[in-house]
Amino acid sequence: FQIIISVRDGVKAIPENTYDVLTSIGAGTVQKFWNV
């Protein structure tokens, strides 16, 4: 449960615009996961 809450909060804290660069170069879901 500590991992669940920590990971959830950590992921939610990532700004959405962080993914914009990868989206603009056509990166897929897996690439976004590994890089961001």
PDB file of all heavy atoms in Angstrom:
ATOM      1  N   PHE A   1       0.816  -1.206   0.000  1.00  0.00           N
ATOM      2  CA  PHE A   1       0.000   0.000   0.000  1.00  0.00           C
ATOM      3  C   PHE A   1       0.854   1.263   0.000  1.00  0.00           C
ATOM      4  O   PHE A   1       0.478   2.277  -0.591  1.00  0.00           O
ATOM      5  CB  PHE A   1      -0.953  -0.024   1.198  1.00  0.00           C
ATOM      6  CG  PHE A   1      -2.003  -1.096   1.102  1.00  0.00           C
ATOM      7  CD1 PHE A   1      -1.822  -2.325   1.716  1.00  0.00           C
ATOM      8  CD2 PHE A   1      -3.157  -0.881   0.365  1.00  0.00           C
ATOM      9  CE1 PHE A   1      -2.785  -3.312   1.615  1.00  0.00           C
ATOM     10  CE2 PHE A   1      -4.125  -1.861   0.257  1.00  0.00           C
ATOM     11  CZ  PHE A   1      -3.938  -3.086   0.882  1.00  0.00           C
ATOM     12  N   GLN A   2       2.002   1.200   0.654  1.00  0.00           N
ATOM     13  CA  GLN A   2       2.891   2.360   0.623  1.00  0.00           C
ATOM     14  C   GLN A   2       3.423   2.598  -0.779  1.00  0.00           C
ATOM     15  O   GLN A   2       3.564   3.751  -1.206  1.00  0.00           O
ATOM     16  CB  GLN A   2       4.029   2.149   1.614  1.00  0.00           C
ATOM     17  CG  GLN A   2       3.554   2.014   3.053  1.00  0.00           C
ATOM     18  CD  GLN A   2       4.699   1.780   4.022  1.00  0.00           C
ATOM     19  OE1 GLN A   2       5.673   2.513   4.028  1.00  0.00           O
ATOM     20  NE2 GLN A   2       4.582   0.761   4.857  1.00  0.00           N
ATOM     21  N   ILE A   3       3.736   1.521  -1.496  1.00  0.00           N
ATOM     22  CA  ILE A   3       4.212   1.656  -2.878  1.00  0.00           C
ATOM     23  C   ILE A   3       3.109   2.192  -3.769  1.00  0.00           C
ATOM     24  O   ILE A   3       3.341   3.082  -4.604  1.00  0.00           O
ATOM     25  CB  ILE A   3       4.731   0.297  -3.402  1.00  0.00           C
ATOM     26  CG1 ILE A   3       6.015  -0.089  -2.667  1.00  0.00           C
ATOM     27  CG2 ILE A   3       4.993   0.361  -4.910  1.00  0.00           C
ATOM     28  CD1 ILE A   3       6.546  -1.458  -3.025  1.00  0.00           C
ATOM     29  N   ILE A   4       1.891   1.677  -3.608  1.00  0.00           N
ATOM     30  CA  ILE A   4       0.765   2.149  -4.425  1.00  0.00           C
ATOM     31  C   ILE A   4       0.574   3.650  -4.265  1.00  0.00           C
ATOM     32  O   ILE A   4       0.494   4.399  -5.251  1.00  0.00           O
ATOM     33  CB  ILE A   4      -0.534   1.410  -4.043  1.00  0.00           C
ATOM     34  CG1 ILE A   4      -0.469  -0.052  -4.485  1.00  0.00           C
ATOM     35  CG2 ILE A   4      -1.753   2.091  -4.687  1.00  0.00           C
ATOM     36  CD1 ILE A   4      -1.655  -0.887  -4.015  1.00  0.00           C
ATOM     37  N   ILE A   5       0.495   4.113  -3.021  1.00  0.00           N
ATOM     38  CA  ILE A   5       0.251   5.537  -2.761  1.00  0.00           C
ATOM     39  C   ILE A   5       1.420   6.389  -3.248  1.00  0.00           C
ATOM     40  O   ILE A   5       1.224   7.455  -3.866  1.00  0.00           O
ATOM     41  CB  ILE A   5      -0.009   5.760  -1.261  1.00  0.00           C
ATOM     42  CG1 ILE A   5      -1.315   5.083  -0.845  1.00  0.00           C
ATOM     43  CG2 ILE A   5      -0.067   7.252  -0.943  1.00  0.00           C
ATOM     44  CD1 ILE A   5      -1.595   5.110   0.640  1.00  0.00           C
ATOM     45  N   SER A   6       2.647   5.929  -3.003  1.00  0.00           N
ATOM     46  CA  SER A   6       3.822   6.702  -3.411  1.00  0.00           C
ATOM     47  C   SER A   6       3.920   6.809  -4.926  1.00  0.00           C
ATOM     48  O   SER A   6       4.190   7.893  -5.463  1.00  0.00           O
ATOM     49  CB  SER A   6       5.090   6.065  -2.838  1.00  0.00           C
ATOM     50  OG  SER A   6       5.082   6.081  -1.443  1.00  0.00           O
ATOM     51  N   VAL A   7       3.706   5.687  -5.620  1.00  0.00           N
ATOM     52  CA  VAL A   7       3.784   5.697  -7.087  1.00  0.00           C
ATOM     53  C   VAL A   7       2.668   6.553  -7.667  1.00  0.00           C
ATOM     54  O   VAL A   7       2.892   7.356  -8.580  1.00  0.00           O
ATOM     55  CB  VAL A   7       3.715   4.261  -7.641  1.00  0.00           C
ATOM     56  CG1 VAL A   7       3.580   4.277  -9.160  1.00  0.00           C
ATOM     57  CG2 VAL A   7       4.949   3.480  -7.237  1.00  0.00           C
ATOM     58  N   ARG A   8       1.465   6.400  -7.149  1.00  0.00           N
ATOM     59  CA  ARG A   8       0.341   7.203  -7.647  1.00  0.00           C
ATOM     60  C   ARG A   8       0.629   8.691  -7.499  1.00  0.00           C
ATOM     61  O   ARG A   8       0.467   9.474  -8.447  1.00  0.00           O
ATOM     62  CB  ARG A   8      -0.926   6.849  -6.894  1.00  0.00           C
ATOM     63  CG  ARG A   8      -2.175   7.574  -7.408  1.00  0.00           C
ATOM     64  CD  ARG A   8      -3.238   7.684  -6.348  1.00  0.00           C
ATOM     65  NE  ARG A   8      -2.746   8.442  -5.193  1.00  0.00           N
ATOM     66  CZ  ARG A   8      -3.475   8.669  -4.106  1.00  0.00           C
ATOM     67  NH1 ARG A   8      -4.694   8.171  -4.018  1.00  0.00           N
ATOM     68  NH2 ARG A   8      -2.980   9.367  -3.104  1.00  0.00           N
ATOM     69  N   ASP A   9       1.068   9.092  -6.309  1.00  0.00           N
ATOM     70  CA  ASP A   9       1.349  10.515  -6.068  1.00  0.00           C
ATOM     71  C   ASP A   9       2.524  10.993  -6.906  1.00  0.00           C
ATOM     72  O   ASP A   9       2.527  12.137  -7.391  1.00  0.00           O
ATOM     73  CB  ASP A   9       1.621  10.749  -4.580  1.00  0.00           C
ATOM     74  CG  ASP A   9       0.393  10.526  -3.719  1.00  0.00           C
ATOM     75  OD1 ASP A   9      -0.730  10.447  -4.287  1.00  0.00           O
ATOM     76  OD2 ASP A   9       0.535  10.412  -2.484  1.00  0.00           O
ATOM     77  N   GLY A  10       3.534  10.123  -7.073  1.00  0.00           N
ATOM     78  CA  GLY A  10       4.685  10.497  -7.885  1.00  0.00           C
ATOM     79  C   GLY A  10       4.322  10.694  -9.339  1.00  0.00           C
ATOM     80  O   GLY A  10       4.791  11.630  -9.992  1.00  0.00           O
ATOM     81  N   VAL A  11       3.461   9.825  -9.873  1.00  0.00           N
ATOM     82  CA  VAL A  11       3.040   9.927 -11.271  1.00  0.00           C
ATOM     83  C   VAL A  11       2.145  11.147 -11.475  1.00  0.00           C
ATOM     84  O   VAL A  11       2.274  11.878 -12.464  1.00  0.00           O
ATOM     85  CB  VAL A  11       2.303   8.642 -11.708  1.00  0.00           C
ATOM     86  CG1 VAL A  11       1.673   8.818 -13.084  1.00  0.00           C
ATOM     87  CG2 VAL A  11       3.272   7.469 -11.720  1.00  0.00           C
ATOM     88  N   LYS A  12       1.239  11.387 -10.526  1.00  0.00           N
ATOM     89  CA  LYS A  12       0.339  12.535 -10.642  1.00  0.00           C
ATOM     90  C   LYS A  12       1.092  13.858 -10.544  1.00  0.00           C
ATOM     91  O   LYS A  12       0.629  14.884 -11.052  1.00  0.00           O
ATOM     92  CB  LYS A  12      -0.743  12.471  -9.557  1.00  0.00           C
ATOM     93  CG  LYS A  12      -1.765  11.356  -9.786  1.00  0.00           C
ATOM     94  CD  LYS A  12      -2.733  11.243  -8.631  1.00  0.00           C
ATOM     95  CE  LYS A  12      -3.675  12.419  -8.571  1.00  0.00           C
ATOM     96  NZ  LYS A  12      -4.712  12.243  -7.517  1.00  0.00           N
ATOM     97  N   ALA A  13       2.254  13.836  -9.886  1.00  0.00           N
ATOM     98  CA  ALA A  13       3.035  15.062  -9.726  1.00  0.00           C
ATOM     99  C   ALA A  13       3.821  15.429 -10.981  1.00  0.00           C
ATOM    100  O   ALA A  13       4.346  16.542 -11.080  1.00  0.00           O
ATOM    101  CB  ALA A  13       3.995  14.913  -8.549  1.00  0.00           C
ATOM    102  N   ILE A  14       3.897  14.504 -11.954  1.00  0.00           N
ATOM    103  CA  ILE A  14       4.612  14.787 -13.205  1.00  0.00           C
ATOM    104  C   ILE A  14       3.755  15.727 -14.055  1.00  0.00           C
ATOM    105  O   ILE A  14       2.621  15.393 -14.401  1.00  0.00           O
ATOM    106  CB  ILE A  14       4.893  13.489 -13.992  1.00  0.00           C
ATOM    107  CG1 ILE A  14       5.750  12.534 -13.163  1.00  0.00           C
ATOM    108  CG2 ILE A  14       5.592  13.802 -15.314  1.00  0.00           C
ATOM    109  CD1 ILE A  14       5.941  11.169 -13.811  1.00  0.00           C
ATOM    110  N   PRO A  15       4.256  16.899 -14.394  1.00  0.00           N
ATOM    111  CA  PRO A  15       3.474  17.828 -15.221  1.00  0.00           C
ATOM    112  C   PRO A  15       3.132  17.211 -16.579  1.00  0.00           C
ATOM    113  O   PRO A  15       3.969  16.530 -17.187  1.00  0.00           O
ATOM    114  CB  PRO A  15       4.406  19.038 -15.379  1.00  0.00           C
ATOM    115  CG  PRO A  15       5.399  18.913 -14.260  1.00  0.00           C
ATOM    116  CD  PRO A  15       5.564  17.441 -14.021  1.00  0.00           C
ATOM    117  N   GLU A  16       1.934  17.462 -17.036  1.00  0.00           N
ATOM    118  CA  GLU A  16       1.488  16.892 -18.308  1.00  0.00           C
ATOM    119  C   GLU A  16       2.341  17.372 -19.475  1.00  0.00           C
ATOM    120  O   GLU A  16       2.563  16.635 -20.448  1.00  0.00           O
ATOM    121  CB  GLU A  16       0.017  17.247 -18.557  1.00  0.00           C
ATOM    122  CG  GLU A  16      -0.974  16.436 -17.740  1.00  0.00           C
ATOM    123  CD  GLU A  16      -0.918  14.953 -18.072  1.00  0.00           C
ATOM    124  OE1 GLU A  16      -0.704  14.605 -19.244  1.00  0.00           O
ATOM    125  OE2 GLU A  16      -1.066  14.139 -17.142  1.00  0.00           O
ATOM    126  N   ASN A  17       2.854  18.616 -19.387  1.00  0.00           N
ATOM    127  CA  ASN A  17       3.657  19.125 -20.510  1.00  0.00           C
ATOM    128  C   ASN A  17       4.997  18.412 -20.642  1.00  0.00           C
ATOM    129  O   ASN A  17       5.707  18.590 -21.627  1.00  0.00           O
ATOM    130  CB  ASN A  17       3.862  20.632 -20.387  1.00  0.00           C
ATOM    131  CG  ASN A  17       4.517  21.034 -19.075  1.00  0.00           C
ATOM    132  OD1 ASN A  17       5.098  20.201 -18.373  1.00  0.00           O
ATOM    133  ND2 ASN A  17       4.428  22.315 -18.735  1.00  0.00           N
ATOM    134  N   THR A  18       5.361  17.603 -19.615  1.00  0.00           N
ATOM    135  CA  THR A  18       6.596  16.820 -19.706  1.00  0.00           C
ATOM    136  C   THR A  18       6.503  15.806 -20.836  1.00  0.00           C
ATOM    137  O   THR A  18       7.521  15.452 -21.453  1.00  0.00           O
ATOM    138  CB  THR A  18       6.867  16.086 -18.373  1.00  0.00           C
ATOM    139  OG1 THR A  18       6.799  17.010 -17.297  1.00  0.00           O
ATOM    140  CG2 THR A  18       8.235  15.434 -18.381  1.00  0.00           C
ATOM    141  N   TYR A  19       5.299  15.338 -21.109  1.00  0.00           N
ATOM    142  CA  TYR A  19       5.097  14.348 -22.167  1.00  0.00           C
ATOM    143  C   TYR A  19       5.024  14.973 -23.554  1.00  0.00           C
ATOM    144  O   TYR A  19       5.046  14.256 -24.554  1.00  0.00           O
ATOM    145  CB  TYR A  19       3.805  13.562 -21.911  1.00  0.00           C
ATOM    146  CG  TYR A  19       3.815  12.730 -20.649  1.00  0.00           C
ATOM    147  CD1 TYR A  19       3.339  13.256 -19.448  1.00  0.00           C
ATOM    148  CD2 TYR A  19       4.293  11.426 -20.643  1.00  0.00           C
ATOM    149  CE1 TYR A  19       3.343  12.506 -18.280  1.00  0.00           C
ATOM    150  CE2 TYR A  19       4.291  10.670 -19.476  1.00  0.00           C
ATOM    151  CZ  TYR A  19       3.822  11.217 -18.294  1.00  0.00           C
ATOM    152  OH  TYR A  19       3.816  10.472 -17.147  1.00  0.00           O
ATOM    153  N   ASP A  20       4.901  16.316 -23.630  1.00  0.00           N
ATOM    154  CA  ASP A  20       4.657  16.961 -24.918  1.00  0.00           C
ATOM    155  C   ASP A  20       5.789  16.745 -25.916  1.00  0.00           C
ATOM    156  O   ASP A  20       5.555  16.539 -27.113  1.00  0.00           O
ATOM    157  CB  ASP A  20       4.422  18.464 -24.713  1.00  0.00           C
ATOM    158  CG  ASP A  20       3.114  18.745 -23.977  1.00  0.00           C
ATOM    159  OD1 ASP A  20       2.279  17.814 -23.898  1.00  0.00           O
ATOM    160  OD2 ASP A  20       2.933  19.879 -23.492  1.00  0.00           O
ATOM    161  N   VAL A  21       7.043  16.795 -25.406  1.00  0.00           N
ATOM    162  CA  VAL A  21       8.189  16.628 -26.315  1.00  0.00           C
ATOM    163  C   VAL A  21       8.165  15.244 -26.962  1.00  0.00           C
ATOM    164  O   VAL A  21       8.365  15.109 -28.180  1.00  0.00           O
ATOM    165  CB  VAL A  21       9.516  16.837 -25.556  1.00  0.00           C
ATOM    166  CG1 VAL A  21      10.702  16.552 -26.467  1.00  0.00           C
ATOM    167  CG2 VAL A  21       9.593  18.246 -24.993  1.00  0.00           C
ATOM    168  N   LEU A  22       7.900  14.212 -26.158  1.00  0.00           N
ATOM    169  CA  LEU A  22       7.851  12.851 -26.700  1.00  0.00           C
ATOM    170  C   LEU A  22       6.666  12.680 -27.636  1.00  0.00           C
ATOM    171  O   LEU A  22       6.768  11.974 -28.651  1.00  0.00           O
ATOM    172  CB  LEU A  22       7.770  11.840 -25.550  1.00  0.00           C
ATOM    173  CG  LEU A  22       9.019  11.711 -24.680  1.00  0.00           C
ATOM    174  CD1 LEU A  22       8.779  10.741 -23.531  1.00  0.00           C
ATOM    175  CD2 LEU A  22      10.216  11.244 -25.499  1.00  0.00           C
ATOM    176  N   THR A  23       5.555  13.320 -27.302  1.00  0.00           N
ATOM    177  CA  THR A  23       4.377  13.237 -28.180  1.00  0.00           C
ATOM    178  C   THR A  23       4.669  13.872 -29.526  1.00  0.00           C
ATOM    179  O   THR A  23       4.263  13.357 -30.583  1.00  0.00           O
ATOM    180  CB  THR A  23       3.175  13.934 -27.519  1.00  0.00           C
ATOM    181  OG1 THR A  23       2.918  13.336 -26.248  1.00  0.00           O
ATOM    182  CG2 THR A  23       1.927  13.801 -28.396  1.00  0.00           C
ATOM    183  N   SER A  24       5.398  14.982 -29.501  1.00  0.00           N
ATOM    184  CA  SER A  24       5.688  15.709 -30.747  1.00  0.00           C
ATOM    185  C   SER A  24       6.593  14.926 -31.688  1.00  0.00           C
ATOM    186  O   SER A  24       6.571  15.153 -32.906  1.00  0.00           O
ATOM    187  CB  SER A  24       6.331  17.069 -30.422  1.00  0.00           C
ATOM    188  OG  SER A  24       7.603  16.880 -29.809  1.00  0.00           O
ATOM    189  N   ILE A  25       7.393  14.010 -31.138  1.00  0.00           N
ATOM    190  CA  ILE A  25       8.271  13.208 -32.013  1.00  0.00           C
ATOM    191  C   ILE A  25       7.678  11.828 -32.286  1.00  0.00           C
ATOM    192  O   ILE A  25       8.353  10.941 -32.794  1.00  0.00           O
ATOM    193  CB  ILE A  25       9.675  13.076 -31.413  1.00  0.00           C
ATOM    194  CG1 ILE A  25       9.625  12.364 -30.049  1.00  0.00           C
ATOM    195  CG2 ILE A  25      10.340  14.435 -31.283  1.00  0.00           C
ATOM    196  CD1 ILE A  25      11.000  12.086 -29.451  1.00  0.00           C
ATOM    197  N   GLY A  26       6.411  11.657 -31.899  1.00  0.00           N
ATOM    198  CA  GLY A  26       5.710  10.417 -32.216  1.00  0.00           C
ATOM    199  C   GLY A  26       6.003   9.260 -31.289  1.00  0.00           C
ATOM    200  O   GLY A  26       5.823   8.090 -31.681  1.00  0.00           O
ATOM    201  N   ALA A  27       6.430   9.523 -30.091  1.00  0.00           N
ATOM    202  CA  ALA A  27       6.722   8.449 -29.133  1.00  0.00           C
ATOM    203  C   ALA A  27       5.435   7.759 -28.699  1.00  0.00           C
ATOM    204  O   ALA A  27       4.395   8.397 -28.536  1.00  0.00           O
ATOM    205  CB  ALA A  27       7.447   9.011 -27.921  1.00  0.00           C
ATOM    206  N   GLY A  28       5.535   6.451 -28.494  1.00  0.00           N
ATOM    207  CA  GLY A  28       4.380   5.676 -28.065  1.00  0.00           C
ATOM    208  C   GLY A  28       4.241   5.651 -26.554  1.00  0.00           C
ATOM    209  O   GLY A  28       5.039   6.239 -25.825  1.00  0.00           O
ATOM    210  N   THR A  29       3.249   4.915 -26.090  1.00  0.00           N
ATOM    211  CA  THR A  29       2.969   4.827 -24.649  1.00  0.00           C
ATOM    212  C   THR A  29       4.132   4.198 -23.889  1.00  0.00           C
ATOM    213  O   THR A  29       4.492   4.653 -22.797  1.00  0.00           O
ATOM    214  CB  THR A  29       1.688   4.002 -24.413  1.00  0.00           C
ATOM    215  OG1 THR A  29       0.607   4.580 -25.144  1.00  0.00           O
ATOM    216  CG2 THR A  29       1.337   3.964 -22.942  1.00  0.00           C
ATOM    217  N   VAL A  30       4.715   3.139 -24.472  1.00  0.00           N
ATOM    218  CA  VAL A  30       5.822   2.453 -23.806  1.00  0.00           C
ATOM    219  C   VAL A  30       7.027   3.380 -23.668  1.00  0.00           C
ATOM    220  O   VAL A  30       7.676   3.426 -22.618  1.00  0.00           O
ATOM    221  CB  VAL A  30       6.211   1.175 -24.576  1.00  0.00           C
ATOM    222  CG1 VAL A  30       7.441   0.526 -23.936  1.00  0.00           C
ATOM    223  CG2 VAL A  30       5.051   0.197 -24.604  1.00  0.00           C
ATOM    224  N   GLN A  31       7.324   4.134 -24.712  1.00  0.00           N
ATOM    225  CA  GLN A  31       8.459   5.062 -24.665  1.00  0.00           C
ATOM    226  C   GLN A  31       8.228   6.171 -23.639  1.00  0.00           C
ATOM    227  O   GLN A  31       9.154   6.581 -22.933  1.00  0.00           O
ATOM    228  CB  GLN A  31       8.687   5.663 -26.056  1.00  0.00           C
ATOM    229  CG  GLN A  31       9.223   4.654 -27.074  1.00  0.00           C
ATOM    230  CD  GLN A  31       9.277   5.233 -28.477  1.00  0.00           C
ATOM    231  OE1 GLN A  31       8.294   5.819 -28.955  1.00  0.00           O
ATOM    232  NE2 GLN A  31      10.405   5.078 -29.142  1.00  0.00           N
ATOM    233  N   LYS A  32       7.002   6.657 -23.538  1.00  0.00           N
ATOM    234  CA  LYS A  32       6.675   7.675 -22.534  1.00  0.00           C
ATOM    235  C   LYS A  32       6.836   7.103 -21.127  1.00  0.00           C
ATOM    236  O   LYS A  32       7.297   7.784 -20.214  1.00  0.00           O
ATOM    237  CB  LYS A  32       5.246   8.173 -22.727  1.00  0.00           C
ATOM    238  CG  LYS A  32       5.044   8.979 -23.999  1.00  0.00           C
ATOM    239  CD  LYS A  32       3.587   9.407 -24.143  1.00  0.00           C
ATOM    240  CE  LYS A  32       3.383  10.186 -25.427  1.00  0.00           C
ATOM    241  NZ  LYS A  32       1.969  10.595 -25.615  1.00  0.00           N
ATOM    242  N   PHE A  33       6.455   5.835 -20.993  1.00  0.00           N
ATOM    243  CA  PHE A  33       6.569   5.193 -19.680  1.00  0.00           C
ATOM    244  C   PHE A  33       8.026   5.092 -19.260  1.00  0.00           C
ATOM    245  O   PHE A  33       8.383   5.461 -18.131  1.00  0.00           O
ATOM    246  CB  PHE A  33       5.937   3.798 -19.729  1.00  0.00           C
ATOM    247  CG  PHE A  33       6.223   2.965 -18.513  1.00  0.00           C
ATOM    248  CD1 PHE A  33       5.528   3.165 -17.336  1.00  0.00           C
ATOM    249  CD2 PHE A  33       7.196   1.961 -18.541  1.00  0.00           C
ATOM    250  CE1 PHE A  33       5.786   2.409 -16.199  1.00  0.00           C
ATOM    251  CE2 PHE A  33       7.457   1.196 -17.421  1.00  0.00           C
ATOM    252  CZ  PHE A  33       6.747   1.417 -16.246  1.00  0.00           C
ATOM    253  N   TRP A  34       8.898   4.591 -20.159  1.00  0.00           N
ATOM    254  CA  TRP A  34      10.299   4.365 -19.799  1.00  0.00           C
ATOM    255  C   TRP A  34      11.077   5.664 -19.640  1.00  0.00           C
ATOM    256  O   TRP A  34      12.032   5.731 -18.862  1.00  0.00           O
ATOM    257  CB  TRP A  34      10.977   3.503 -20.862  1.00  0.00           C
ATOM    258  CG  TRP A  34      10.646   2.054 -20.744  1.00  0.00           C
ATOM    259  CD1 TRP A  34       9.889   1.306 -21.597  1.00  0.00           C
ATOM    260  CD2 TRP A  34      11.042   1.162 -19.694  1.00  0.00           C
ATOM    261  NE1 TRP A  34       9.775   0.010 -21.145  1.00  0.00           N
ATOM    262  CE2 TRP A  34      10.478  -0.108 -19.978  1.00  0.00           C
ATOM    263  CE3 TRP A  34      11.803   1.318 -18.538  1.00  0.00           C
ATOM    264  CZ2 TRP A  34      10.656  -1.206 -19.148  1.00  0.00           C
ATOM    265  CZ3 TRP A  34      11.983   0.220 -17.711  1.00  0.00           C
ATOM    266  CH2 TRP A  34      11.412  -1.023 -18.025  1.00  0.00           C
ATOM    267  N   ASN A  35      10.705   6.695 -20.368  1.00  0.00           N
ATOM    268  CA  ASN A  35      11.487   7.933 -20.364  1.00  0.00           C
ATOM    269  C   ASN A  35      10.961   9.019 -19.435  1.00  0.00           C
ATOM    270  O   ASN A  35      11.721   9.923 -19.067  1.00  0.00           O
ATOM    271  CB  ASN A  35      11.574   8.498 -21.783  1.00  0.00           C
ATOM    272  CG  ASN A  35      12.409   7.640 -22.710  1.00  0.00           C
ATOM    273  OD1 ASN A  35      13.634   7.655 -22.657  1.00  0.00           O
ATOM    274  ND2 ASN A  35      11.752   6.857 -23.555  1.00  0.00           N
ATOM    275  N   VAL A  36       9.696   8.927 -19.046  1.00  0.00           N
ATOM    276  CA  VAL A  36       9.124   9.977 -18.197  1.00  0.00           C
ATOM    277  C   VAL A  36       8.469   9.410 -16.941  1.00  0.00           C
ATOM    278  O   VAL A  36       8.838   9.752 -15.814  1.00  0.00           O
ATOM    279  CB  VAL A  36       8.092  10.826 -18.978  1.00  0.00           C
ATOM    280  CG1 VAL A  36       7.468  11.863 -18.039  1.00  0.00           C
ATOM    281  CG2 VAL A  36       8.748  11.507 -20.157  1.00  0.00           C
TER     282      VAL A  36
END
